[in-house]
Amino acid sequence: MEKRNHSHSRGKLIVVGIGPGSHDHLTHRAEEVIKSCDVLMGYRTYLRLIIDLIKDQVVISYGMGEEVKRCKKAMEYASKGKKVVLVSSGDPGIYGMAGPVYEVLNDKFNELKNLEFSVEAVPGVPAFCAAAACLGAPLMSDFVLISLSDLLIPWEKIEKRITIAAQGDFVICLYNPKSKKRVAQIKKAQKILLEFRKEETPVGIVKNAGRHGESIVITNLKDIANQEIDMSTTIIIGNFSTLSFKNLIVTRRGY
């Protein structure tokens, strides 16, 4: 029987959700694994949010659009017996790094007879939960979460999802509503929604939820496109049961 060399400890790759940005929303488990890892990796903006937790770890930062590269490098370190943390904002399984990690891992199964490291995902507080808490209780009924970024998904498919969600009377959370280059998507989404919902439908716009510079605007569907919106903004659009009062948005569930 072939003997394997176990002189080094088995590595770990841990995908960690750091929440929306504030340490108040960072879980104990997330903080624990960040402080105890050998290698810390991630998008440079997210690493800045946890800079005070970084001690003696090897830190490797990446720019936007290098997700697969991050995953492969993290696996390279983990296969050498290192404890590697790959950070993701919010929850890593919601538009985060858990997906790319497991996709790359699936490809590697065809190459590896035995995986030399374990993989774990540590959940985090999603930005839409932090935004909802700022607004009151807008997500008390069924809701959907839709990203308006068409970098990875065709806009035609996004439009279809918005239409179906509007027809189904879901409360709708929008991620990535507007960037420097993508400025028309939020207006297109508004146009679709106005076909099915009243102009006065309550809308909450939360920028930098849980981070420095947090701002909260409560408006309506008619005026949504006139507000200051960027990639750090989460938008929550009410349904027919949603009401707005005293700077709050609440969706009635029927108690």
C-alpha atoms as a PDB file:
ATOM      1  CA  MET A   1       0.000   0.000   0.000  1.00  0.00           C
ATOM      2  CA  GLU A   2       1.293   3.434  -0.917  1.00  0.00           C
ATOM      3  CA  LYS A   3       2.188   5.615   2.066  1.00  0.00           C
ATOM      4  CA  ARG A   4       1.391   9.309   1.900  1.00  0.00           C
ATOM      5  CA  ASN A   5       3.517  12.006   3.465  1.00  0.00           C
ATOM      6  CA  HIS A   6       1.593  13.728   6.262  1.00  0.00           C
ATOM      7  CA  SER A   7       4.531  15.706   7.628  1.00  0.00           C
ATOM      8  CA  HIS A   8       2.611  18.944   7.083  1.00  0.00           C
ATOM      9  CA  SER A   9      -0.840  19.686   8.457  1.00  0.00           C
ATOM     10  CA  ARG A  10      -3.795  19.493   6.111  1.00  0.00           C
ATOM     11  CA  GLY A  11      -4.569  22.890   4.689  1.00  0.00           C
ATOM     12  CA  LYS A  12      -7.822  24.805   4.904  1.00  0.00           C
ATOM     13  CA  LEU A  13      -9.561  27.202   2.581  1.00  0.00           C
ATOM     14  CA  ILE A  14     -12.208  29.229   4.384  1.00  0.00           C
ATOM     15  CA  VAL A  15     -14.449  31.637   2.471  1.00  0.00           C
ATOM     16  CA  VAL A  16     -15.518  34.269   4.984  1.00  0.00           C
ATOM     17  CA  GLY A  17     -18.393  36.718   4.778  1.00  0.00           C
ATOM     18  CA  ILE A  18     -17.389  39.933   6.548  1.00  0.00           C
ATOM     19  CA  GLY A  19     -20.879  41.461   6.432  1.00  0.00           C
ATOM     20  CA  PRO A  20     -21.731  44.875   5.003  1.00  0.00           C
ATOM     21  CA  GLY A  21     -18.647  46.577   6.421  1.00  0.00           C
ATOM     22  CA  SER A  22     -18.965  47.504  10.084  1.00  0.00           C
ATOM     23  CA  HIS A  23     -17.367  45.282  12.733  1.00  0.00           C
ATOM     24  CA  ASP A  24     -20.728  45.447  14.516  1.00  0.00           C
ATOM     25  CA  HIS A  25     -21.997  43.109  11.787  1.00  0.00           C
ATOM     26  CA  LEU A  26     -18.949  40.828  11.758  1.00  0.00           C
ATOM     27  CA  THR A  27     -19.709  37.439  13.321  1.00  0.00           C
ATOM     28  CA  HIS A  28     -17.528  35.945  16.061  1.00  0.00           C
ATOM     29  CA  ARG A  29     -16.726  33.009  13.795  1.00  0.00           C
ATOM     30  CA  ALA A  30     -15.625  35.300  10.962  1.00  0.00           C
ATOM     31  CA  GLU A  31     -13.353  37.312  13.268  1.00  0.00           C
ATOM     32  CA  GLU A  32     -11.903  34.134  14.744  1.00  0.00           C
ATOM     33  CA  VAL A  33     -10.850  32.602  11.437  1.00  0.00           C
ATOM     34  CA  ILE A  34      -9.502  35.903  10.075  1.00  0.00           C
ATOM     35  CA  LYS A  35      -7.261  36.375  13.106  1.00  0.00           C
ATOM     36  CA  SER A  36      -6.025  32.764  13.094  1.00  0.00           C
ATOM     37  CA  CYS A  37      -5.293  32.260   9.390  1.00  0.00           C
ATOM     38  CA  ASP A  38      -1.864  32.058   7.734  1.00  0.00           C
ATOM     39  CA  VAL A  39      -2.878  33.741   4.490  1.00  0.00           C
ATOM     40  CA  LEU A  40      -5.547  36.405   4.005  1.00  0.00           C
ATOM     41  CA  MET A  41      -6.796  37.145   0.510  1.00  0.00           C
ATOM     42  CA  GLY A  42      -9.484  39.221  -1.146  1.00  0.00           C
ATOM     43  CA  TYR A  43     -10.613  42.279  -3.038  1.00  0.00           C
ATOM     44  CA  ARG A  44      -8.536  45.198  -1.741  1.00  0.00           C
ATOM     45  CA  THR A  45     -11.575  47.303  -0.762  1.00  0.00           C
ATOM     46  CA  TYR A  46     -12.863  44.520   1.496  1.00  0.00           C
ATOM     47  CA  LEU A  47      -9.461  43.952   3.064  1.00  0.00           C
ATOM     48  CA  ARG A  48      -9.356  47.620   4.064  1.00  0.00           C
ATOM     49  CA  LEU A  49     -12.574  47.099   6.045  1.00  0.00           C
ATOM     50  CA  ILE A  50     -10.851  44.563   8.309  1.00  0.00           C
ATOM     51  CA  ILE A  51      -7.356  46.095   8.377  1.00  0.00           C
ATOM     52  CA  ASP A  52      -7.328  46.282  12.195  1.00  0.00           C
ATOM     53  CA  LEU A  53      -7.756  42.475  12.375  1.00  0.00           C
ATOM     54  CA  ILE A  54      -4.654  41.816  10.277  1.00  0.00           C
ATOM     55  CA  LYS A  55      -1.610  40.812  12.325  1.00  0.00           C
ATOM     56  CA  ASP A  56       1.143  38.545  10.987  1.00  0.00           C
ATOM     57  CA  GLN A  57      -0.743  36.983   8.098  1.00  0.00           C
ATOM     58  CA  VAL A  58       0.455  36.980   4.530  1.00  0.00           C
ATOM     59  CA  VAL A  59      -1.944  39.409   2.828  1.00  0.00           C
ATOM     60  CA  ILE A  60      -2.675  39.227  -0.898  1.00  0.00           C
ATOM     61  CA  SER A  61      -5.034  41.787  -2.399  1.00  0.00           C
ATOM     62  CA  TYR A  62      -6.710  41.753  -5.798  1.00  0.00           C
ATOM     63  CA  GLY A  63      -8.643  44.132  -7.993  1.00  0.00           C
ATOM     64  CA  MET A  64     -12.176  43.720  -9.261  1.00  0.00           C
ATOM     65  CA  GLY A  65     -12.683  41.023 -11.877  1.00  0.00           C
ATOM     66  CA  GLU A  66      -9.971  38.652 -10.625  1.00  0.00           C
ATOM     67  CA  GLU A  67     -12.248  36.248  -8.780  1.00  0.00           C
ATOM     68  CA  VAL A  68     -11.082  33.025 -10.430  1.00  0.00           C
ATOM     69  CA  LYS A  69      -7.455  34.057 -10.043  1.00  0.00           C
ATOM     70  CA  ARG A  70      -8.081  34.594  -6.324  1.00  0.00           C
ATOM     71  CA  CYS A  71      -9.626  31.141  -5.968  1.00  0.00           C
ATOM     72  CA  LYS A  72      -6.760  29.364  -7.699  1.00  0.00           C
ATOM     73  CA  LYS A  73      -4.118  31.172  -5.664  1.00  0.00           C
ATOM     74  CA  ALA A  74      -6.000  30.433  -2.430  1.00  0.00           C
ATOM     75  CA  MET A  75      -6.137  26.730  -3.319  1.00  0.00           C
ATOM     76  CA  GLU A  76      -2.443  26.780  -4.120  1.00  0.00           C
ATOM     77  CA  TYR A  77      -1.629  27.970  -0.608  1.00  0.00           C
ATOM     78  CA  ALA A  78      -4.156  25.612   1.015  1.00  0.00           C
ATOM     79  CA  SER A  79      -2.662  22.629  -0.827  1.00  0.00           C
ATOM     80  CA  LYS A  80       0.655  23.456   0.881  1.00  0.00           C
ATOM     81  CA  GLY A  81      -0.918  23.051   4.309  1.00  0.00           C
ATOM     82  CA  LYS A  82      -1.763  26.694   4.950  1.00  0.00           C
ATOM     83  CA  LYS A  83      -4.919  28.013   6.567  1.00  0.00           C
ATOM     84  CA  VAL A  84      -6.230  30.440   3.970  1.00  0.00           C
ATOM     85  CA  VAL A  85      -9.063  32.922   4.399  1.00  0.00           C
ATOM     86  CA  LEU A  86     -10.682  34.365   1.289  1.00  0.00           C
ATOM     87  CA  VAL A  87     -12.881  37.286   2.301  1.00  0.00           C
ATOM     88  CA  SER A  88     -16.134  38.283   0.690  1.00  0.00           C
ATOM     89  CA  SER A  89     -18.443  41.159   1.549  1.00  0.00           C
ATOM     90  CA  GLY A  90     -21.865  40.363   2.961  1.00  0.00           C
ATOM     91  CA  ASP A  91     -22.506  36.636   2.788  1.00  0.00           C
ATOM     92  CA  PRO A  92     -20.062  34.676   0.575  1.00  0.00           C
ATOM     93  CA  GLY A  93     -22.894  32.609  -0.889  1.00  0.00           C
ATOM     94  CA  ILE A  94     -24.865  35.650  -2.107  1.00  0.00           C
ATOM     95  CA  TYR A  95     -23.103  37.147  -5.138  1.00  0.00           C
ATOM     96  CA  GLY A  96     -19.903  36.364  -3.239  1.00  0.00           C
ATOM     97  CA  MET A  97     -16.765  34.263  -3.436  1.00  0.00           C
ATOM     98  CA  ALA A  98     -18.235  30.919  -2.341  1.00  0.00           C
ATOM     99  CA  GLY A  99     -19.609  30.287  -5.836  1.00  0.00           C
ATOM    100  CA  PRO A 100     -16.306  30.761  -7.718  1.00  0.00           C
ATOM    101  CA  VAL A 101     -14.454  28.713  -5.093  1.00  0.00           C
ATOM    102  CA  TYR A 102     -16.736  25.703  -5.466  1.00  0.00           C
ATOM    103  CA  GLU A 103     -16.806  26.032  -9.256  1.00  0.00           C
ATOM    104  CA  VAL A 104     -13.007  25.993  -9.442  1.00  0.00           C
ATOM    105  CA  LEU A 105     -12.985  23.166  -6.917  1.00  0.00           C
ATOM    106  CA  ASN A 106     -15.336  21.165  -9.128  1.00  0.00           C
ATOM    107  CA  ASP A 107     -12.927  21.552 -12.047  1.00  0.00           C
ATOM    108  CA  LYS A 108     -10.004  20.489  -9.876  1.00  0.00           C
ATOM    109  CA  PHE A 109     -11.728  17.249  -8.864  1.00  0.00           C
ATOM    110  CA  ASN A 110     -10.924  16.003 -12.340  1.00  0.00           C
ATOM    111  CA  GLU A 111      -7.222  16.652 -11.699  1.00  0.00           C
ATOM    112  CA  LEU A 112      -6.820  15.571  -8.073  1.00  0.00           C
ATOM    113  CA  LYS A 113      -7.107  12.035  -6.728  1.00  0.00           C
ATOM    114  CA  ASN A 114      -7.340  13.334  -3.165  1.00  0.00           C
ATOM    115  CA  LEU A 115      -8.096  16.873  -2.076  1.00  0.00           C
ATOM    116  CA  GLU A 116      -5.176  18.083   0.060  1.00  0.00           C
ATOM    117  CA  PHE A 117      -7.224  20.701   1.899  1.00  0.00           C
ATOM    118  CA  SER A 118     -10.673  21.221   3.369  1.00  0.00           C
ATOM    119  CA  VAL A 119     -13.100  23.928   2.294  1.00  0.00           C
ATOM    120  CA  GLU A 120     -15.536  25.825   4.479  1.00  0.00           C
ATOM    121  CA  ALA A 121     -17.856  28.801   4.027  1.00  0.00           C
ATOM    122  CA  VAL A 122     -18.484  31.133   6.969  1.00  0.00           C
ATOM    123  CA  PRO A 123     -21.771  33.038   6.539  1.00  0.00           C
ATOM    124  CA  GLY A 124     -22.042  36.782   6.940  1.00  0.00           C
ATOM    125  CA  VAL A 125     -24.735  39.444   7.256  1.00  0.00           C
ATOM    126  CA  PRO A 126     -25.932  40.338   3.721  1.00  0.00           C
ATOM    127  CA  ALA A 127     -26.094  43.998   2.710  1.00  0.00           C
ATOM    128  CA  PHE A 128     -29.821  43.743   2.010  1.00  0.00           C
ATOM    129  CA  CYS A 129     -30.440  42.694   5.640  1.00  0.00           C
ATOM    130  CA  ALA A 130     -28.443  45.663   6.930  1.00  0.00           C
ATOM    131  CA  ALA A 131     -30.303  47.974   4.540  1.00  0.00           C
ATOM    132  CA  ALA A 132     -33.678  46.576   5.597  1.00  0.00           C
ATOM    133  CA  ALA A 133     -32.841  47.157   9.261  1.00  0.00           C
ATOM    134  CA  CYS A 134     -32.040  50.793   8.463  1.00  0.00           C
ATOM    135  CA  LEU A 135     -35.455  51.224   6.852  1.00  0.00           C
ATOM    136  CA  GLY A 136     -37.664  49.440   9.354  1.00  0.00           C
ATOM    137  CA  ALA A 137     -39.230  46.144   8.266  1.00  0.00           C
ATOM    138  CA  PRO A 138     -39.660  46.177   4.472  1.00  0.00           C
ATOM    139  CA  LEU A 139     -38.931  42.449   4.020  1.00  0.00           C
ATOM    140  CA  MET A 140     -41.733  41.063   6.191  1.00  0.00           C
ATOM    141  CA  SER A 141     -43.362  39.410   3.170  1.00  0.00           C
ATOM    142  CA  ASP A 142     -41.896  37.345   0.330  1.00  0.00           C
ATOM    143  CA  PHE A 143     -39.102  39.131  -1.497  1.00  0.00           C
ATOM    144  CA  VAL A 144     -36.557  38.671  -4.277  1.00  0.00           C
ATOM    145  CA  LEU A 145     -32.981  39.879  -4.657  1.00  0.00           C
ATOM    146  CA  ILE A 146     -31.892  40.962  -8.142  1.00  0.00           C
ATOM    147  CA  SER A 147     -28.574  42.377  -9.311  1.00  0.00           C
ATOM    148  CA  LEU A 148     -28.800  44.977 -12.083  1.00  0.00           C
ATOM    149  CA  SER A 149     -25.247  44.279 -13.214  1.00  0.00           C
ATOM    150  CA  ASP A 150     -25.273  42.799 -16.718  1.00  0.00           C
ATOM    151  CA  LEU A 151     -21.546  42.014 -16.795  1.00  0.00           C
ATOM    152  CA  LEU A 152     -22.186  38.292 -16.265  1.00  0.00           C
ATOM    153  CA  ILE A 153     -25.904  37.985 -17.047  1.00  0.00           C
ATOM    154  CA  PRO A 154     -27.602  39.329 -20.223  1.00  0.00           C
ATOM    155  CA  TRP A 155     -29.807  42.343 -19.595  1.00  0.00           C
ATOM    156  CA  GLU A 156     -32.728  40.613 -21.324  1.00  0.00           C
ATOM    157  CA  LYS A 157     -32.718  37.962 -18.597  1.00  0.00           C
ATOM    158  CA  ILE A 158     -32.518  40.582 -15.842  1.00  0.00           C
ATOM    159  CA  GLU A 159     -35.479  42.417 -17.368  1.00  0.00           C
ATOM    160  CA  LYS A 160     -37.469  39.188 -17.375  1.00  0.00           C
ATOM    161  CA  ARG A 161     -36.696  38.588 -13.708  1.00  0.00           C
ATOM    162  CA  ILE A 162     -37.748  42.115 -12.751  1.00  0.00           C
ATOM    163  CA  THR A 163     -40.985  41.707 -14.714  1.00  0.00           C
ATOM    164  CA  ILE A 164     -41.868  38.378 -13.096  1.00  0.00           C
ATOM    165  CA  ALA A 165     -41.023  39.680  -9.618  1.00  0.00           C
ATOM    166  CA  ALA A 166     -43.209  42.740 -10.190  1.00  0.00           C
ATOM    167  CA  GLN A 167     -46.082  40.614 -11.470  1.00  0.00           C
ATOM    168  CA  GLY A 168     -45.775  38.343  -8.448  1.00  0.00           C
ATOM    169  CA  ASP A 169     -46.071  41.289  -6.022  1.00  0.00           C
ATOM    170  CA  PHE A 170     -42.717  40.516  -4.410  1.00  0.00           C
ATOM    171  CA  VAL A 171     -40.833  43.117  -2.416  1.00  0.00           C
ATOM    172  CA  ILE A 172     -37.751  43.660  -4.594  1.00  0.00           C
ATOM    173  CA  CYS A 173     -34.181  44.258  -3.428  1.00  0.00           C
ATOM    174  CA  LEU A 174     -31.791  45.615  -6.051  1.00  0.00           C
ATOM    175  CA  TYR A 175     -28.011  45.188  -5.895  1.00  0.00           C
ATOM    176  CA  ASN A 176     -25.483  46.941  -8.165  1.00  0.00           C
ATOM    177  CA  PRO A 177     -28.088  49.429  -9.399  1.00  0.00           C
ATOM    178  CA  LYS A 178     -25.722  51.897 -11.032  1.00  0.00           C
ATOM    179  CA  SER A 179     -22.028  52.384 -11.773  1.00  0.00           C
ATOM    180  CA  LYS A 180     -19.974  54.979 -13.617  1.00  0.00           C
ATOM    181  CA  LYS A 181     -20.455  53.051 -16.862  1.00  0.00           C
ATOM    182  CA  ARG A 182     -23.858  51.454 -16.223  1.00  0.00           C
ATOM    183  CA  VAL A 183     -26.265  54.349 -15.811  1.00  0.00           C
ATOM    184  CA  ALA A 184     -29.350  53.266 -17.762  1.00  0.00           C
ATOM    185  CA  GLN A 185     -30.258  50.037 -15.951  1.00  0.00           C
ATOM    186  CA  ILE A 186     -31.965  51.636 -12.958  1.00  0.00           C
ATOM    187  CA  LYS A 187     -34.171  53.742 -15.239  1.00  0.00           C
ATOM    188  CA  LYS A 188     -35.069  50.679 -17.287  1.00  0.00           C
ATOM    189  CA  ALA A 189     -35.925  48.785 -14.116  1.00  0.00           C
ATOM    190  CA  GLN A 190     -38.070  51.688 -12.921  1.00  0.00           C
ATOM    191  CA  LYS A 191     -39.967  51.719 -16.201  1.00  0.00           C
ATOM    192  CA  ILE A 192     -40.769  48.010 -15.907  1.00  0.00           C
ATOM    193  CA  LEU A 193     -41.885  48.336 -12.291  1.00  0.00           C
ATOM    194  CA  LEU A 194     -44.178  51.267 -13.039  1.00  0.00           C
ATOM    195  CA  GLU A 195     -46.130  49.006 -15.399  1.00  0.00           C
ATOM    196  CA  PHE A 196     -47.202  46.932 -12.388  1.00  0.00           C
ATOM    197  CA  ARG A 197     -46.913  49.194  -9.343  1.00  0.00           C
ATOM    198  CA  LYS A 198     -48.172  52.608  -8.323  1.00  0.00           C
ATOM    199  CA  GLU A 199     -45.922  55.650  -8.521  1.00  0.00           C
ATOM    200  CA  GLU A 200     -46.232  56.182  -4.760  1.00  0.00           C
ATOM    201  CA  THR A 201     -44.951  52.662  -3.916  1.00  0.00           C
ATOM    202  CA  PRO A 202     -42.477  53.124  -1.011  1.00  0.00           C
ATOM    203  CA  VAL A 203     -38.804  52.754  -1.896  1.00  0.00           C
ATOM    204  CA  GLY A 204     -35.826  52.714   0.454  1.00  0.00           C
ATOM    205  CA  ILE A 205     -32.377  53.657  -0.831  1.00  0.00           C
ATOM    206  CA  VAL A 206     -29.501  52.819   1.514  1.00  0.00           C
ATOM    207  CA  LYS A 207     -25.942  53.717   0.610  1.00  0.00           C
ATOM    208  CA  ASN A 208     -22.960  52.186   2.456  1.00  0.00           C
ATOM    209  CA  ALA A 209     -25.187  50.174   4.789  1.00  0.00           C
ATOM    210  CA  GLY A 210     -23.204  49.430   7.929  1.00  0.00           C
ATOM    211  CA  ARG A 211     -20.184  51.417   6.741  1.00  0.00           C
ATOM    212  CA  HIS A 212     -18.757  54.890   7.191  1.00  0.00           C
ATOM    213  CA  GLY A 213     -20.792  57.385   5.194  1.00  0.00           C
ATOM    214  CA  GLU A 214     -24.070  55.505   5.518  1.00  0.00           C
ATOM    215  CA  SER A 215     -27.044  57.388   4.082  1.00  0.00           C
ATOM    216  CA  ILE A 216     -30.734  56.517   4.042  1.00  0.00           C
ATOM    217  CA  VAL A 217     -33.358  57.930   1.701  1.00  0.00           C
ATOM    218  CA  ILE A 218     -37.035  57.018   1.757  1.00  0.00           C
ATOM    219  CA  THR A 219     -38.787  57.933  -1.457  1.00  0.00           C
ATOM    220  CA  ASN A 220     -41.221  56.398  -3.952  1.00  0.00           C
ATOM    221  CA  LEU A 221     -41.074  54.525  -7.229  1.00  0.00           C
ATOM    222  CA  LYS A 222     -41.744  57.649  -9.282  1.00  0.00           C
ATOM    223  CA  ASP A 223     -38.649  59.457  -7.936  1.00  0.00           C
ATOM    224  CA  ILE A 224     -36.260  56.532  -7.598  1.00  0.00           C
ATOM    225  CA  ALA A 225     -34.075  57.425 -10.602  1.00  0.00           C
ATOM    226  CA  ASN A 226     -33.600  61.001  -9.351  1.00  0.00           C
ATOM    227  CA  GLN A 227     -31.716  59.886  -6.236  1.00  0.00           C
ATOM    228  CA  GLU A 228     -27.973  59.525  -5.681  1.00  0.00           C
ATOM    229  CA  ILE A 229     -27.284  55.868  -6.490  1.00  0.00           C
ATOM    230  CA  ASP A 230     -24.051  53.919  -7.030  1.00  0.00           C
ATOM    231  CA  MET A 231     -22.563  50.438  -6.612  1.00  0.00           C
ATOM    232  CA  SER A 232     -22.567  50.733  -2.809  1.00  0.00           C
ATOM    233  CA  THR A 233     -26.335  51.314  -2.816  1.00  0.00           C
ATOM    234  CA  THR A 234     -29.034  48.790  -1.957  1.00  0.00           C
ATOM    235  CA  ILE A 235     -32.567  49.612  -3.095  1.00  0.00           C
ATOM    236  CA  ILE A 236     -35.669  48.026  -1.573  1.00  0.00           C
ATOM    237  CA  ILE A 237     -38.957  48.464  -3.442  1.00  0.00           C
ATOM    238  CA  GLY A 238     -42.179  47.716  -1.630  1.00  0.00           C
ATOM    239  CA  ASN A 239     -45.174  45.718  -2.794  1.00  0.00           C
ATOM    240  CA  PHE A 240     -48.915  46.495  -2.512  1.00  0.00           C
ATOM    241  CA  SER A 241     -48.840  45.800   1.239  1.00  0.00           C
ATOM    242  CA  THR A 242     -45.912  48.125   1.963  1.00  0.00           C
ATOM    243  CA  LEU A 243     -46.453  51.429   3.712  1.00  0.00           C
ATOM    244  CA  SER A 244     -44.215  54.328   4.666  1.00  0.00           C
ATOM    245  CA  PHE A 245     -44.575  56.403   7.840  1.00  0.00           C
ATOM    246  CA  LYS A 246     -42.324  58.374  10.199  1.00  0.00           C
ATOM    247  CA  ASN A 247     -39.188  57.685   8.119  1.00  0.00           C
ATOM    248  CA  LEU A 248     -39.871  53.945   8.132  1.00  0.00           C
ATOM    249  CA  ILE A 249     -40.897  51.375   5.546  1.00  0.00           C
ATOM    250  CA  VAL A 250     -42.973  48.421   6.697  1.00  0.00           C
ATOM    251  CA  THR A 251     -44.488  45.618   4.643  1.00  0.00           C
ATOM    252  CA  ARG A 252     -47.628  44.311   6.325  1.00  0.00           C
ATOM    253  CA  ARG A 253     -47.822  40.550   6.584  1.00  0.00           C
ATOM    254  CA  GLY A 254     -51.371  40.304   7.875  1.00  0.00           C
ATOM    255  CA  TYR A 255     -51.039  39.654  11.604  1.00  0.00           C
END
